[in-house]
């Protein structure tokens, strides 16, 4: 979960670039005026991938040999559990 911090309007004015960089890295920042919360600053979420982009990525995945996969799983998991 992202951390939450408070920044006064004065600090936002004096260090706006730093505060925005913190928010862009995922920190949720509450802006305060006279010690009272008045606004929140957070990163803009990334745009979701389109169906076409997801399909293109899917087509680039290597094929999986079910027999080899099962053998690998059997090596690390005790079948008696």
N, C-alpha and C. Protein backbone atom coordinates (compact mmCIF):
# COMPACT_ATOMS: atom_id res chain seq x y z
N UNK A 1 0.85 -1.19 0.00
CA UNK A 1 0.00 0.00 0.00
C UNK A 1 0.88 1.24 0.00
N UNK A 2 0.47 2.27 -0.72
CA UNK A 2 1.24 3.50 -0.81
C UNK A 2 1.19 4.24 0.51
N UNK A 3 2.28 4.94 0.83
CA UNK A 3 2.32 5.70 2.07
C UNK A 3 1.52 6.99 1.92
N UNK A 4 1.13 7.56 3.06
CA UNK A 4 0.36 8.79 3.06
C UNK A 4 1.17 9.83 3.83
N UNK A 5 1.32 11.02 3.27
CA UNK A 5 2.08 12.09 3.91
C UNK A 5 1.26 13.37 3.85
N UNK A 6 1.60 14.30 4.73
CA UNK A 6 0.97 15.62 4.72
C UNK A 6 2.00 16.66 4.32
N UNK A 7 1.57 17.60 3.49
CA UNK A 7 2.42 18.70 3.05
C UNK A 7 1.58 19.97 3.14
N UNK A 8 2.14 20.99 3.75
CA UNK A 8 1.42 22.26 3.84
C UNK A 8 1.42 22.96 2.49
N UNK A 9 0.49 23.86 2.33
CA UNK A 9 0.43 24.63 1.09
C UNK A 9 1.74 25.40 0.89
N UNK A 10 2.31 25.90 1.96
CA UNK A 10 3.58 26.64 1.87
C UNK A 10 4.68 25.73 1.34
N UNK A 11 4.78 24.49 1.89
CA UNK A 11 5.79 23.56 1.40
C UNK A 11 5.53 23.16 -0.05
N UNK A 12 4.26 23.02 -0.40
CA UNK A 12 3.92 22.71 -1.79
C UNK A 12 4.38 23.82 -2.71
N UNK A 13 4.16 25.06 -2.31
CA UNK A 13 4.59 26.20 -3.11
C UNK A 13 6.11 26.24 -3.23
N UNK A 14 6.82 26.00 -2.13
CA UNK A 14 8.28 26.12 -2.12
C UNK A 14 8.99 24.90 -2.70
N UNK A 15 8.35 23.74 -2.66
CA UNK A 15 9.00 22.51 -3.10
C UNK A 15 8.07 21.70 -4.00
N UNK A 16 7.31 22.40 -4.82
CA UNK A 16 6.30 21.75 -5.65
C UNK A 16 6.82 20.61 -6.50
N UNK A 17 7.96 20.79 -7.14
CA UNK A 17 8.51 19.75 -8.00
C UNK A 17 8.83 18.49 -7.22
N UNK A 18 9.42 18.65 -6.04
CA UNK A 18 9.74 17.49 -5.21
C UNK A 18 8.47 16.77 -4.75
N UNK A 19 7.47 17.54 -4.37
CA UNK A 19 6.21 16.95 -3.90
C UNK A 19 5.53 16.18 -5.03
N UNK A 20 5.51 16.76 -6.21
CA UNK A 20 4.90 16.09 -7.36
C UNK A 20 5.69 14.81 -7.70
N UNK A 21 7.01 14.86 -7.63
CA UNK A 21 7.81 13.66 -7.88
C UNK A 21 7.48 12.55 -6.88
N UNK A 22 7.29 12.91 -5.63
CA UNK A 22 6.92 11.92 -4.61
C UNK A 22 5.57 11.29 -4.96
N UNK A 23 4.62 12.12 -5.36
CA UNK A 23 3.30 11.60 -5.73
C UNK A 23 3.41 10.70 -6.95
N UNK A 24 4.22 11.08 -7.92
CA UNK A 24 4.38 10.29 -9.14
C UNK A 24 4.98 8.92 -8.83
N UNK A 25 5.78 8.84 -7.76
CA UNK A 25 6.36 7.55 -7.36
C UNK A 25 5.38 6.70 -6.55
N UNK A 26 4.17 7.21 -6.30
CA UNK A 26 3.16 6.39 -5.64
C UNK A 26 2.76 6.86 -4.26
N UNK A 27 3.39 7.88 -3.76
CA UNK A 27 3.04 8.38 -2.43
C UNK A 27 1.77 9.21 -2.52
N UNK A 28 0.82 8.95 -1.62
CA UNK A 28 -0.39 9.77 -1.58
C UNK A 28 -0.12 10.91 -0.60
N UNK A 29 -0.33 12.13 -1.05
CA UNK A 29 0.01 13.30 -0.25
C UNK A 29 -1.24 14.12 0.02
N UNK A 30 -1.44 14.42 1.30
CA UNK A 30 -2.55 15.27 1.71
C UNK A 30 -2.01 16.69 1.85
N UNK A 31 -2.65 17.63 1.20
CA UNK A 31 -2.26 19.04 1.27
C UNK A 31 -3.05 19.66 2.41
N UNK A 32 -2.34 20.40 3.28
CA UNK A 32 -2.99 21.01 4.43
C UNK A 32 -2.90 22.52 4.39
N UNK A 33 -3.91 23.16 4.98
CA UNK A 33 -3.92 24.61 5.17
C UNK A 33 -4.26 24.84 6.64
N UNK A 34 -3.36 25.49 7.35
CA UNK A 34 -3.52 25.73 8.78
C UNK A 34 -3.77 24.42 9.53
N UNK A 35 -3.07 23.37 9.10
CA UNK A 35 -3.17 22.07 9.77
C UNK A 35 -4.39 21.24 9.40
N UNK A 36 -5.25 21.77 8.53
CA UNK A 36 -6.46 21.05 8.13
C UNK A 36 -6.31 20.53 6.70
N UNK A 37 -6.66 19.26 6.48
CA UNK A 37 -6.56 18.68 5.15
C UNK A 37 -7.54 19.36 4.20
N UNK A 38 -7.02 19.78 3.03
CA UNK A 38 -7.87 20.46 2.05
C UNK A 38 -7.85 19.80 0.68
N UNK A 39 -6.85 18.98 0.40
CA UNK A 39 -6.75 18.34 -0.92
C UNK A 39 -5.83 17.13 -0.82
N UNK A 40 -5.90 16.29 -1.85
CA UNK A 40 -5.00 15.13 -1.94
C UNK A 40 -4.32 15.14 -3.29
N UNK A 41 -3.07 14.72 -3.29
CA UNK A 41 -2.28 14.63 -4.52
C UNK A 41 -1.81 13.19 -4.66
N UNK A 42 -2.05 12.60 -5.82
CA UNK A 42 -1.65 11.22 -6.06
C UNK A 42 -1.30 11.08 -7.53
N UNK A 43 -0.62 9.98 -7.86
CA UNK A 43 -0.21 9.74 -9.24
C UNK A 43 -1.43 9.41 -10.10
N UNK A 44 -1.36 9.77 -11.35
CA UNK A 44 -2.38 9.40 -12.32
C UNK A 44 -2.14 7.94 -12.69
N UNK A 45 -3.17 7.09 -12.61
CA UNK A 45 -2.94 5.68 -12.95
C UNK A 45 -2.57 5.49 -14.41
N UNK A 46 -1.77 4.45 -14.67
CA UNK A 46 -1.42 4.12 -16.05
C UNK A 46 -2.67 3.72 -16.83
N UNK A 47 -2.69 4.05 -18.10
CA UNK A 47 -3.81 3.66 -18.95
C UNK A 47 -3.82 2.15 -19.12
N UNK A 48 -4.98 1.53 -19.10
CA UNK A 48 -5.03 0.08 -19.30
C UNK A 48 -4.60 -0.28 -20.73
N UNK A 49 -4.08 -1.50 -20.88
CA UNK A 49 -3.68 -1.95 -22.21
C UNK A 49 -4.91 -2.27 -23.05
N UNK A 50 -4.82 -2.00 -24.31
CA UNK A 50 -5.91 -2.32 -25.23
C UNK A 50 -5.96 -3.82 -25.47
N UNK A 51 -7.08 -4.29 -25.97
CA UNK A 51 -7.22 -5.71 -26.29
C UNK A 51 -6.19 -6.11 -27.35
N UNK A 52 -5.93 -5.23 -28.30
CA UNK A 52 -4.96 -5.54 -29.35
C UNK A 52 -3.56 -5.71 -28.77
N UNK A 53 -3.18 -4.85 -27.82
CA UNK A 53 -1.86 -4.96 -27.19
C UNK A 53 -1.76 -6.24 -26.37
N UNK A 54 -2.82 -6.58 -25.65
CA UNK A 54 -2.80 -7.82 -24.87
C UNK A 54 -2.67 -9.04 -25.78
N UNK A 55 -3.41 -9.05 -26.89
CA UNK A 55 -3.32 -10.18 -27.83
C UNK A 55 -1.92 -10.28 -28.45
N UNK A 56 -1.34 -9.13 -28.77
CA UNK A 56 0.01 -9.14 -29.35
C UNK A 56 1.01 -9.73 -28.35
N UNK A 57 0.88 -9.35 -27.07
CA UNK A 57 1.77 -9.92 -26.05
C UNK A 57 1.52 -11.42 -25.89
N UNK A 58 0.27 -11.82 -25.92
CA UNK A 58 -0.09 -13.22 -25.76
C UNK A 58 0.52 -14.06 -26.88
N UNK A 59 0.49 -13.54 -28.10
CA UNK A 59 1.05 -14.27 -29.25
C UNK A 59 2.57 -14.41 -29.16
N UNK A 60 3.23 -13.55 -28.38
CA UNK A 60 4.68 -13.63 -28.23
C UNK A 60 5.10 -14.60 -27.13
N UNK A 61 4.16 -15.10 -26.33
CA UNK A 61 4.50 -16.02 -25.25
C UNK A 61 4.95 -17.37 -25.82
N UNK A 62 5.91 -18.00 -25.16
CA UNK A 62 6.34 -19.32 -25.64
C UNK A 62 5.27 -20.37 -25.34
N UNK A 63 5.23 -21.41 -26.14
CA UNK A 63 4.29 -22.50 -25.88
C UNK A 63 4.78 -23.29 -24.67
N UNK A 64 3.83 -23.86 -23.95
CA UNK A 64 4.14 -24.63 -22.74
C UNK A 64 3.84 -26.09 -23.01
N UNK A 65 4.83 -26.94 -22.76
CA UNK A 65 4.65 -28.38 -22.89
C UNK A 65 4.06 -28.87 -21.57
N UNK A 66 2.82 -29.33 -21.61
CA UNK A 66 2.12 -29.74 -20.39
C UNK A 66 2.84 -30.84 -19.64
N UNK A 67 3.42 -31.78 -20.36
CA UNK A 67 4.15 -32.88 -19.72
C UNK A 67 5.36 -32.40 -18.96
N UNK A 68 6.13 -31.50 -19.58
CA UNK A 68 7.31 -30.94 -18.89
C UNK A 68 6.89 -30.10 -17.69
N UNK A 69 5.83 -29.35 -17.85
CA UNK A 69 5.34 -28.53 -16.74
C UNK A 69 4.96 -29.42 -15.56
N UNK A 70 4.22 -30.47 -15.83
CA UNK A 70 3.79 -31.37 -14.76
C UNK A 70 5.00 -32.03 -14.09
N UNK A 71 6.00 -32.41 -14.89
CA UNK A 71 7.21 -33.02 -14.33
C UNK A 71 7.94 -32.02 -13.43
N UNK A 72 8.02 -30.77 -13.85
CA UNK A 72 8.67 -29.75 -13.02
C UNK A 72 7.92 -29.54 -11.71
N UNK A 73 6.60 -29.50 -11.79
CA UNK A 73 5.79 -29.33 -10.58
C UNK A 73 5.96 -30.52 -9.65
N UNK A 74 5.97 -31.72 -10.20
CA UNK A 74 6.13 -32.93 -9.39
C UNK A 74 7.47 -32.96 -8.68
N UNK A 75 8.50 -32.31 -9.25
CA UNK A 75 9.81 -32.28 -8.62
C UNK A 75 9.82 -31.44 -7.35
N UNK A 76 9.00 -30.41 -7.31
CA UNK A 76 9.06 -29.48 -6.17
C UNK A 76 7.91 -29.63 -5.19
N UNK A 77 6.85 -30.32 -5.55
CA UNK A 77 5.70 -30.48 -4.66
C UNK A 77 5.56 -31.95 -4.28
N UNK A 78 5.41 -32.19 -2.97
CA UNK A 78 5.23 -33.54 -2.47
C UNK A 78 3.81 -33.99 -2.78
N UNK A 79 3.66 -35.02 -3.61
CA UNK A 79 2.34 -35.51 -4.02
C UNK A 79 1.56 -36.12 -2.85
N UNK A 80 2.23 -36.40 -1.74
CA UNK A 80 1.56 -37.00 -0.58
C UNK A 80 0.86 -35.97 0.30
N UNK A 81 1.02 -34.71 0.00
CA UNK A 81 0.39 -33.66 0.82
C UNK A 81 -1.08 -33.57 0.57
